[in-house]
Amino acid sequence: MSKHLSLHCYLQDAAAERPLPCSDVTIHADPATLRAIAHFLLASADTFDQAQDRAGMHAHLQDEWDGWQDDFPDLVVVAA
């Protein structure tokens, strides 16, 4: 399988129909939050890996992390 990575984002307080391509992403977080994000990414990768058909598969950090707070930006991963 070929490697794939693209980053897209919605700008805070800016209306957009689609996410915009990003050249880089900065995560400003404490170590516990970084570990929660890492756990989410690993679990998502395992789920995507085991799927028969990945078309349209995605996961939201806000749905998976008990430590989620309403003022956090969501992190969405999409299966390639």
PDB file of N, CA and C in Angstrom:
ATOM      1  N   MET A   1       0.839  -1.168   0.000  1.00  0.00           N
ATOM      2  CA  MET A   1       0.000   0.000   0.000  1.00  0.00           C
ATOM      3  C   MET A   1       0.895   1.245   0.000  1.00  0.00           C
ATOM      4  N   SER A   2       0.525   2.212  -0.795  1.00  0.00           N
ATOM      5  CA  SER A   2       1.311   3.444  -0.848  1.00  0.00           C
ATOM      6  C   SER A   2       0.958   4.343   0.329  1.00  0.00           C
ATOM      7  N   LYS A   3       1.913   5.142   0.739  1.00  0.00           N
ATOM      8  CA  LYS A   3       1.703   6.060   1.854  1.00  0.00           C
ATOM      9  C   LYS A   3       0.919   7.261   1.376  1.00  0.00           C
ATOM     10  N   HIS A   4       0.112   7.795   2.277  1.00  0.00           N
ATOM     11  CA  HIS A   4      -0.685   8.976   1.932  1.00  0.00           C
ATOM     12  C   HIS A   4      -0.806   9.869   3.162  1.00  0.00           C
ATOM     13  N   LEU A   5      -0.636  11.158   2.970  1.00  0.00           N
ATOM     14  CA  LEU A   5      -0.871  12.132   4.032  1.00  0.00           C
ATOM     15  C   LEU A   5      -1.293  13.437   3.403  1.00  0.00           C
ATOM     16  N   SER A   6      -2.422  13.943   3.824  1.00  0.00           N
ATOM     17  CA  SER A   6      -2.817  15.304   3.484  1.00  0.00           C
ATOM     18  C   SER A   6      -3.468  15.893   4.721  1.00  0.00           C
ATOM     19  N   LEU A   7      -3.294  17.168   4.911  1.00  0.00           N
ATOM     20  CA  LEU A   7      -3.859  17.876   6.060  1.00  0.00           C
ATOM     21  C   LEU A   7      -4.802  18.953   5.555  1.00  0.00           C
ATOM     22  N   HIS A   8      -5.977  19.014   6.146  1.00  0.00           N
ATOM     23  CA  HIS A   8      -6.970  20.015   5.776  1.00  0.00           C
ATOM     24  C   HIS A   8      -7.534  20.621   7.052  1.00  0.00           C
ATOM     25  N   CYS A   9      -7.998  21.853   6.963  1.00  0.00           N
ATOM     26  CA  CYS A   9      -8.524  22.500   8.159  1.00  0.00           C
ATOM     27  C   CYS A   9      -9.606  23.507   7.809  1.00  0.00           C
ATOM     28  N   TYR A  10     -10.453  23.734   8.782  1.00  0.00           N
ATOM     29  CA  TYR A  10     -11.394  24.843   8.738  1.00  0.00           C
ATOM     30  C   TYR A  10     -10.815  25.922   9.640  1.00  0.00           C
ATOM     31  N   LEU A  11     -10.814  27.148   9.190  1.00  0.00           N
ATOM     32  CA  LEU A  11     -10.304  28.235  10.000  1.00  0.00           C
ATOM     33  C   LEU A  11     -11.346  28.635  11.033  1.00  0.00           C
ATOM     34  N   GLN A  12     -10.885  28.900  12.236  1.00  0.00           N
ATOM     35  CA  GLN A  12     -11.798  29.289  13.305  1.00  0.00           C
ATOM     36  C   GLN A  12     -12.530  30.570  12.932  1.00  0.00           C
ATOM     37  N   ASP A  13     -13.824  30.582  13.142  1.00  0.00           N
ATOM     38  CA  ASP A  13     -14.675  31.757  12.890  1.00  0.00           C
ATOM     39  C   ASP A  13     -14.690  32.196  11.431  1.00  0.00           C
ATOM     40  N   ALA A  14     -14.399  31.291  10.506  1.00  0.00           N
ATOM     41  CA  ALA A  14     -14.453  31.621   9.077  1.00  0.00           C
ATOM     42  C   ALA A  14     -15.339  30.589   8.381  1.00  0.00           C
ATOM     43  N   ALA A  15     -16.337  31.062   7.696  1.00  0.00           N
ATOM     44  CA  ALA A  15     -17.235  30.157   6.982  1.00  0.00           C
ATOM     45  C   ALA A  15     -16.518  29.554   5.773  1.00  0.00           C
ATOM     46  N   ALA A  16     -16.717  28.268   5.573  1.00  0.00           N
ATOM     47  CA  ALA A  16     -16.124  27.585   4.422  1.00  0.00           C
ATOM     48  C   ALA A  16     -16.977  26.370   4.087  1.00  0.00           C
ATOM     49  N   GLU A  17     -17.136  26.114   2.805  1.00  0.00           N
ATOM     50  CA  GLU A  17     -17.893  24.943   2.377  1.00  0.00           C
ATOM     51  C   GLU A  17     -17.079  23.669   2.508  1.00  0.00           C
ATOM     52  N   ARG A  18     -15.760  23.795   2.343  1.00  0.00           N
ATOM     53  CA  ARG A  18     -14.866  22.638   2.406  1.00  0.00           C
ATOM     54  C   ARG A  18     -13.644  23.007   3.225  1.00  0.00           C
ATOM     55  N   PRO A  19     -12.983  22.012   3.802  1.00  0.00           N
ATOM     56  CA  PRO A  19     -11.743  22.310   4.500  1.00  0.00           C
ATOM     57  C   PRO A  19     -10.660  22.741   3.515  1.00  0.00           C
ATOM     58  N   LEU A  20      -9.743  23.563   3.979  1.00  0.00           N
ATOM     59  CA  LEU A  20      -8.656  24.074   3.152  1.00  0.00           C
ATOM     60  C   LEU A  20      -7.398  23.243   3.371  1.00  0.00           C
ATOM     61  N   PRO A  21      -6.582  23.056   2.331  1.00  0.00           N
ATOM     62  CA  PRO A  21      -5.318  22.340   2.512  1.00  0.00           C
ATOM     63  C   PRO A  21      -4.400  23.135   3.446  1.00  0.00           C
ATOM     64  N   CYS A  22      -3.711  22.433   4.320  1.00  0.00           N
ATOM     65  CA  CYS A  22      -2.781  23.062   5.262  1.00  0.00           C
ATOM     66  C   CYS A  22      -1.366  22.584   4.959  1.00  0.00           C
ATOM     67  N   SER A  23      -0.413  23.481   5.057  1.00  0.00           N
ATOM     68  CA  SER A  23       0.977  23.091   4.835  1.00  0.00           C
ATOM     69  C   SER A  23       1.588  22.490   6.091  1.00  0.00           C
ATOM     70  N   ASP A  24       1.078  22.875   7.240  1.00  0.00           N
ATOM     71  CA  ASP A  24       1.528  22.286   8.498  1.00  0.00           C
ATOM     72  C   ASP A  24       0.463  22.510   9.550  1.00  0.00           C
ATOM     73  N   VAL A  25       0.574  21.749  10.640  1.00  0.00           N
ATOM     74  CA  VAL A  25      -0.360  21.850  11.753  1.00  0.00           C
ATOM     75  C   VAL A  25       0.465  21.916  13.029  1.00  0.00           C
ATOM     76  N   THR A  26       0.106  22.814  13.906  1.00  0.00           N
ATOM     77  CA  THR A  26       0.762  22.934  15.206  1.00  0.00           C
ATOM     78  C   THR A  26      -0.211  22.460  16.276  1.00  0.00           C
ATOM     79  N   ILE A  27       0.226  21.546  17.116  1.00  0.00           N
ATOM     80  CA  ILE A  27      -0.599  21.077  18.226  1.00  0.00           C
ATOM     81  C   ILE A  27      -0.007  21.650  19.507  1.00  0.00           C
ATOM     82  N   HIS A  28      -0.764  22.479  20.179  1.00  0.00           N
ATOM     83  CA  HIS A  28      -0.344  23.093  21.442  1.00  0.00           C
ATOM     84  C   HIS A  28      -1.131  22.402  22.539  1.00  0.00           C
ATOM     85  N   ALA A  29      -0.489  21.462  23.246  1.00  0.00           N
ATOM     86  CA  ALA A  29      -1.201  20.639  24.213  1.00  0.00           C
ATOM     87  C   ALA A  29      -0.258  20.162  25.312  1.00  0.00           C
ATOM     88  N   ASP A  30      -0.858  19.821  26.443  1.00  0.00           N
ATOM     89  CA  ASP A  30      -0.086  19.238  27.543  1.00  0.00           C
ATOM     90  C   ASP A  30       0.194  17.763  27.231  1.00  0.00           C
ATOM     91  N   PRO A  31       1.142  17.135  27.943  1.00  0.00           N
ATOM     92  CA  PRO A  31       1.500  15.742  27.647  1.00  0.00           C
ATOM     93  C   PRO A  31       0.325  14.764  27.714  1.00  0.00           C
ATOM     94  N   ALA A  32      -0.578  14.925  28.668  1.00  0.00           N
ATOM     95  CA  ALA A  32      -1.716  14.005  28.780  1.00  0.00           C
ATOM     96  C   ALA A  32      -2.613  14.107  27.546  1.00  0.00           C
ATOM     97  N   THR A  33      -2.817  15.317  27.058  1.00  0.00           N
ATOM     98  CA  THR A  33      -3.637  15.505  25.859  1.00  0.00           C
ATOM     99  C   THR A  33      -2.944  14.920  24.640  1.00  0.00           C
ATOM    100  N   LEU A  34      -1.643  15.110  24.534  1.00  0.00           N
ATOM    101  CA  LEU A  34      -0.892  14.511  23.426  1.00  0.00           C
ATOM    102  C   LEU A  34      -1.012  12.990  23.453  1.00  0.00           C
ATOM    103  N   ARG A  35      -0.958  12.413  24.647  1.00  0.00           N
ATOM    104  CA  ARG A  35      -1.113  10.951  24.751  1.00  0.00           C
ATOM    105  C   ARG A  35      -2.520  10.519  24.339  1.00  0.00           C
ATOM    106  N   ALA A  36      -3.523  11.284  24.707  1.00  0.00           N
ATOM    107  CA  ALA A  36      -4.897  10.959  24.309  1.00  0.00           C
ATOM    108  C   ALA A  36      -5.039  11.021  22.791  1.00  0.00           C
ATOM    109  N   ILE A  37      -4.434  12.024  22.174  1.00  0.00           N
ATOM    110  CA  ILE A  37      -4.469  12.143  20.709  1.00  0.00           C
ATOM    111  C   ILE A  37      -3.731  10.966  20.074  1.00  0.00           C
ATOM    112  N   ALA A  38      -2.575  10.617  20.622  1.00  0.00           N
ATOM    113  CA  ALA A  38      -1.809   9.480  20.095  1.00  0.00           C
ATOM    114  C   ALA A  38      -2.617   8.187  20.199  1.00  0.00           C
ATOM    115  N   HIS A  39      -3.286   7.991  21.322  1.00  0.00           N
ATOM    116  CA  HIS A  39      -4.124   6.797  21.497  1.00  0.00           C
ATOM    117  C   HIS A  39      -5.246   6.774  20.454  1.00  0.00           C
ATOM    118  N   PHE A  40      -5.881   7.919  20.242  1.00  0.00           N
ATOM    119  CA  PHE A  40      -6.946   8.038  19.240  1.00  0.00           C
ATOM    120  C   PHE A  40      -6.422   7.695  17.848  1.00  0.00           C
ATOM    121  N   LEU A  41      -5.253   8.217  17.495  1.00  0.00           N
ATOM    122  CA  LEU A  41      -4.679   7.953  16.171  1.00  0.00           C
ATOM    123  C   LEU A  41      -4.349   6.470  16.003  1.00  0.00           C
ATOM    124  N   LEU A  42      -3.751   5.865  17.020  1.00  0.00           N
ATOM    125  CA  LEU A  42      -3.414   4.438  16.940  1.00  0.00           C
ATOM    126  C   LEU A  42      -4.669   3.572  16.848  1.00  0.00           C
ATOM    127  N   ALA A  43      -5.677   3.881  17.657  1.00  0.00           N
ATOM    128  CA  ALA A  43      -6.919   3.114  17.620  1.00  0.00           C
ATOM    129  C   ALA A  43      -7.613   3.273  16.262  1.00  0.00           C
ATOM    130  N   SER A  44      -7.595   4.479  15.725  1.00  0.00           N
ATOM    131  CA  SER A  44      -8.207   4.709  14.412  1.00  0.00           C
ATOM    132  C   SER A  44      -7.469   3.927  13.331  1.00  0.00           C
ATOM    133  N   ALA A  45      -6.141   3.938  13.391  1.00  0.00           N
ATOM    134  CA  ALA A  45      -5.346   3.190  12.410  1.00  0.00           C
ATOM    135  C   ALA A  45      -5.676   1.703  12.475  1.00  0.00           C
ATOM    136  N   ASP A  46      -5.798   1.169  13.682  1.00  0.00           N
ATOM    137  CA  ASP A  46      -6.151  -0.251  13.826  1.00  0.00           C
ATOM    138  C   ASP A  46      -7.530  -0.538  13.248  1.00  0.00           C
ATOM    139  N   THR A  47      -8.494   0.338  13.519  1.00  0.00           N
ATOM    140  CA  THR A  47      -9.851   0.159  12.994  1.00  0.00           C
ATOM    141  C   THR A  47      -9.853   0.209  11.472  1.00  0.00           C
ATOM    142  N   PHE A  48      -9.160   1.182  10.904  1.00  0.00           N
ATOM    143  CA  PHE A  48      -9.096   1.308   9.446  1.00  0.00           C
ATOM    144  C   PHE A  48      -8.406   0.092   8.836  1.00  0.00           C
ATOM    145  N   ASP A  49      -7.343  -0.372   9.499  1.00  0.00           N
ATOM    146  CA  ASP A  49      -6.591  -1.526   9.007  1.00  0.00           C
ATOM    147  C   ASP A  49      -7.465  -2.779   8.914  1.00  0.00           C
ATOM    148  N   GLN A  50      -8.357  -2.951   9.860  1.00  0.00           N
ATOM    149  CA  GLN A  50      -9.173  -4.159   9.935  1.00  0.00           C
ATOM    150  C   GLN A  50     -10.418  -4.107   9.052  1.00  0.00           C
ATOM    151  N   ALA A  51     -10.714  -2.958   8.493  1.00  0.00           N
ATOM    152  CA  ALA A  51     -11.945  -2.797   7.699  1.00  0.00           C
ATOM    153  C   ALA A  51     -11.816  -3.463   6.339  1.00  0.00           C
ATOM    154  N   GLN A  52     -12.881  -4.072   5.897  1.00  0.00           N
ATOM    155  CA  GLN A  52     -12.938  -4.665   4.565  1.00  0.00           C
ATOM    156  C   GLN A  52     -13.007  -3.564   3.508  1.00  0.00           C
ATOM    157  N   ASP A  53     -13.807  -2.549   3.777  1.00  0.00           N
ATOM    158  CA  ASP A  53     -14.004  -1.437   2.849  1.00  0.00           C
ATOM    159  C   ASP A  53     -13.865  -0.134   3.627  1.00  0.00           C
ATOM    160  N   ARG A  54     -12.815   0.603   3.360  1.00  0.00           N
ATOM    161  CA  ARG A  54     -12.540   1.841   4.107  1.00  0.00           C
ATOM    162  C   ARG A  54     -13.218   3.070   3.520  1.00  0.00           C
ATOM    163  N   ALA A  55     -13.876   2.937   2.414  1.00  0.00           N
ATOM    164  CA  ALA A  55     -14.471   4.097   1.744  1.00  0.00           C
ATOM    165  C   ALA A  55     -15.361   4.869   2.713  1.00  0.00           C
ATOM    166  N   GLY A  56     -15.039   6.130   2.890  1.00  0.00           N
ATOM    167  CA  GLY A  56     -15.833   6.998   3.746  1.00  0.00           C
ATOM    168  C   GLY A  56     -15.589   6.853   5.240  1.00  0.00           C
ATOM    169  N   MET A  57     -14.710   5.933   5.627  1.00  0.00           N
ATOM    170  CA  MET A  57     -14.460   5.746   7.058  1.00  0.00           C
ATOM    171  C   MET A  57     -13.760   6.963   7.640  1.00  0.00           C
ATOM    172  N   HIS A  58     -14.213   7.385   8.803  1.00  0.00           N
ATOM    173  CA  HIS A  58     -13.577   8.488   9.506  1.00  0.00           C
ATOM    174  C   HIS A  58     -13.923   8.397  10.988  1.00  0.00           C
ATOM    175  N   ALA A  59     -13.166   9.108  11.791  1.00  0.00           N
ATOM    176  CA  ALA A  59     -13.403   9.130  13.230  1.00  0.00           C
ATOM    177  C   ALA A  59     -13.117  10.539  13.747  1.00  0.00           C
ATOM    178  N   HIS A  60     -13.880  10.934  14.764  1.00  0.00           N
ATOM    179  CA  HIS A  60     -13.726  12.245  15.394  1.00  0.00           C
ATOM    180  C   HIS A  60     -13.177  12.072  16.800  1.00  0.00           C
ATOM    181  N   LEU A  61     -12.131  12.806  17.112  1.00  0.00           N
ATOM    182  CA  LEU A  61     -11.571  12.774  18.465  1.00  0.00           C
ATOM    183  C   LEU A  61     -12.637  13.131  19.489  1.00  0.00           C
ATOM    184  N   GLN A  62     -13.479  14.110  19.196  1.00  0.00           N
ATOM    185  CA  GLN A  62     -14.489  14.544  20.162  1.00  0.00           C
ATOM    186  C   GLN A  62     -15.460  13.417  20.533  1.00  0.00           C
ATOM    187  N   ASP A  63     -15.641  12.441  19.635  1.00  0.00           N
ATOM    188  CA  ASP A  63     -16.532  11.321  19.920  1.00  0.00           C
ATOM    189  C   ASP A  63     -15.850  10.197  20.696  1.00  0.00           C
ATOM    190  N   GLU A  64     -14.536  10.166  20.657  1.00  0.00           N
ATOM    191  CA  GLU A  64     -13.793   9.033  21.208  1.00  0.00           C
ATOM    192  C   GLU A  64     -13.078   9.315  22.528  1.00  0.00           C
ATOM    193  N   TRP A  65     -12.899  10.568  22.889  1.00  0.00           N
ATOM    194  CA  TRP A  65     -12.077  10.924  24.046  1.00  0.00           C
ATOM    195  C   TRP A  65     -12.950  11.441  25.179  1.00  0.00           C
ATOM    196  N   ASP A  66     -12.893  10.757  26.321  1.00  0.00           N
ATOM    197  CA  ASP A  66     -13.678  11.169  27.489  1.00  0.00           C
ATOM    198  C   ASP A  66     -13.250  12.526  28.030  1.00  0.00           C
ATOM    199  N   GLY A  67     -12.012  12.931  27.764  1.00  0.00           N
ATOM    200  CA  GLY A  67     -11.502  14.206  28.242  1.00  0.00           C
ATOM    201  C   GLY A  67     -11.838  15.387  27.346  1.00  0.00           C
ATOM    202  N   TRP A  68     -12.680  15.158  26.344  1.00  0.00           N
ATOM    203  CA  TRP A  68     -13.037  16.208  25.393  1.00  0.00           C
ATOM    204  C   TRP A  68     -13.693  17.383  26.105  1.00  0.00           C
ATOM    205  N   GLN A  69     -13.339  18.593  25.672  1.00  0.00           N
ATOM    206  CA  GLN A  69     -13.981  19.809  26.173  1.00  0.00           C
ATOM    207  C   GLN A  69     -14.542  20.580  24.985  1.00  0.00           C
ATOM    208  N   ASP A  70     -15.660  21.248  25.205  1.00  0.00           N
ATOM    209  CA  ASP A  70     -16.355  21.925  24.103  1.00  0.00           C
ATOM    210  C   ASP A  70     -15.532  23.004  23.418  1.00  0.00           C
ATOM    211  N   ASP A  71     -14.539  23.552  24.080  1.00  0.00           N
ATOM    212  CA  ASP A  71     -13.733  24.609  23.456  1.00  0.00           C
ATOM    213  C   ASP A  71     -12.519  24.060  22.693  1.00  0.00           C
ATOM    214  N   PHE A  72     -12.375  22.736  22.628  1.00  0.00           N
ATOM    215  CA  PHE A  72     -11.283  22.124  21.872  1.00  0.00           C
ATOM    216  C   PHE A  72     -11.660  22.061  20.387  1.00  0.00           C
ATOM    217  N   PRO A  73     -10.697  22.204  19.493  1.00  0.00           N
ATOM    218  CA  PRO A  73     -10.977  21.948  18.072  1.00  0.00           C
ATOM    219  C   PRO A  73     -11.078  20.433  17.865  1.00  0.00           C
ATOM    220  N   ASP A  74     -11.925  20.012  16.964  1.00  0.00           N
ATOM    221  CA  ASP A  74     -12.048  18.583  16.699  1.00  0.00           C
ATOM    222  C   ASP A  74     -10.881  18.126  15.822  1.00  0.00           C
ATOM    223  N   LEU A  75     -10.526  16.874  15.958  1.00  0.00           N
ATOM    224  CA  LEU A  75      -9.530  16.241  15.090  1.00  0.00           C
ATOM    225  C   LEU A  75     -10.240  15.097  14.395  1.00  0.00           C
ATOM    226  N   VAL A  76     -10.292  15.130  13.083  1.00  0.00           N
ATOM    227  CA  VAL A  76     -10.981  14.108  12.303  1.00  0.00           C
ATOM    228  C   VAL A  76      -9.942  13.376  11.474  1.00  0.00           C
ATOM    229  N   VAL A  77      -9.952  12.052  11.554  1.00  0.00           N
ATOM    230  CA  VAL A  77      -9.076  11.247  10.706  1.00  0.00           C
ATOM    231  C   VAL A  77      -9.940  10.538   9.680  1.00  0.00           C
ATOM    232  N   VAL A  78      -9.451  10.453   8.453  1.00  0.00           N
ATOM    233  CA  VAL A  78     -10.174   9.856   7.346  1.00  0.00           C
ATOM    234  C   VAL A  78      -9.299   8.758   6.744  1.00  0.00           C
ATOM    235  N   ALA A  79      -9.874   7.602   6.551  1.00  0.00           N
ATOM    236  CA  ALA A  79      -9.119   6.488   5.982  1.00  0.00           C
ATOM    237  C   ALA A  79      -8.744   6.772   4.543  1.00  0.00           C
ATOM    238  N   ALA A  80      -7.490   6.480   4.215  1.00  0.00           N
ATOM    239  CA  ALA A  80      -7.007   6.653   2.834  1.00  0.00           C
ATOM    240  C   ALA A  80      -7.154   5.361   2.081  1.00  0.00           C
TER     241      ALA A  80
END
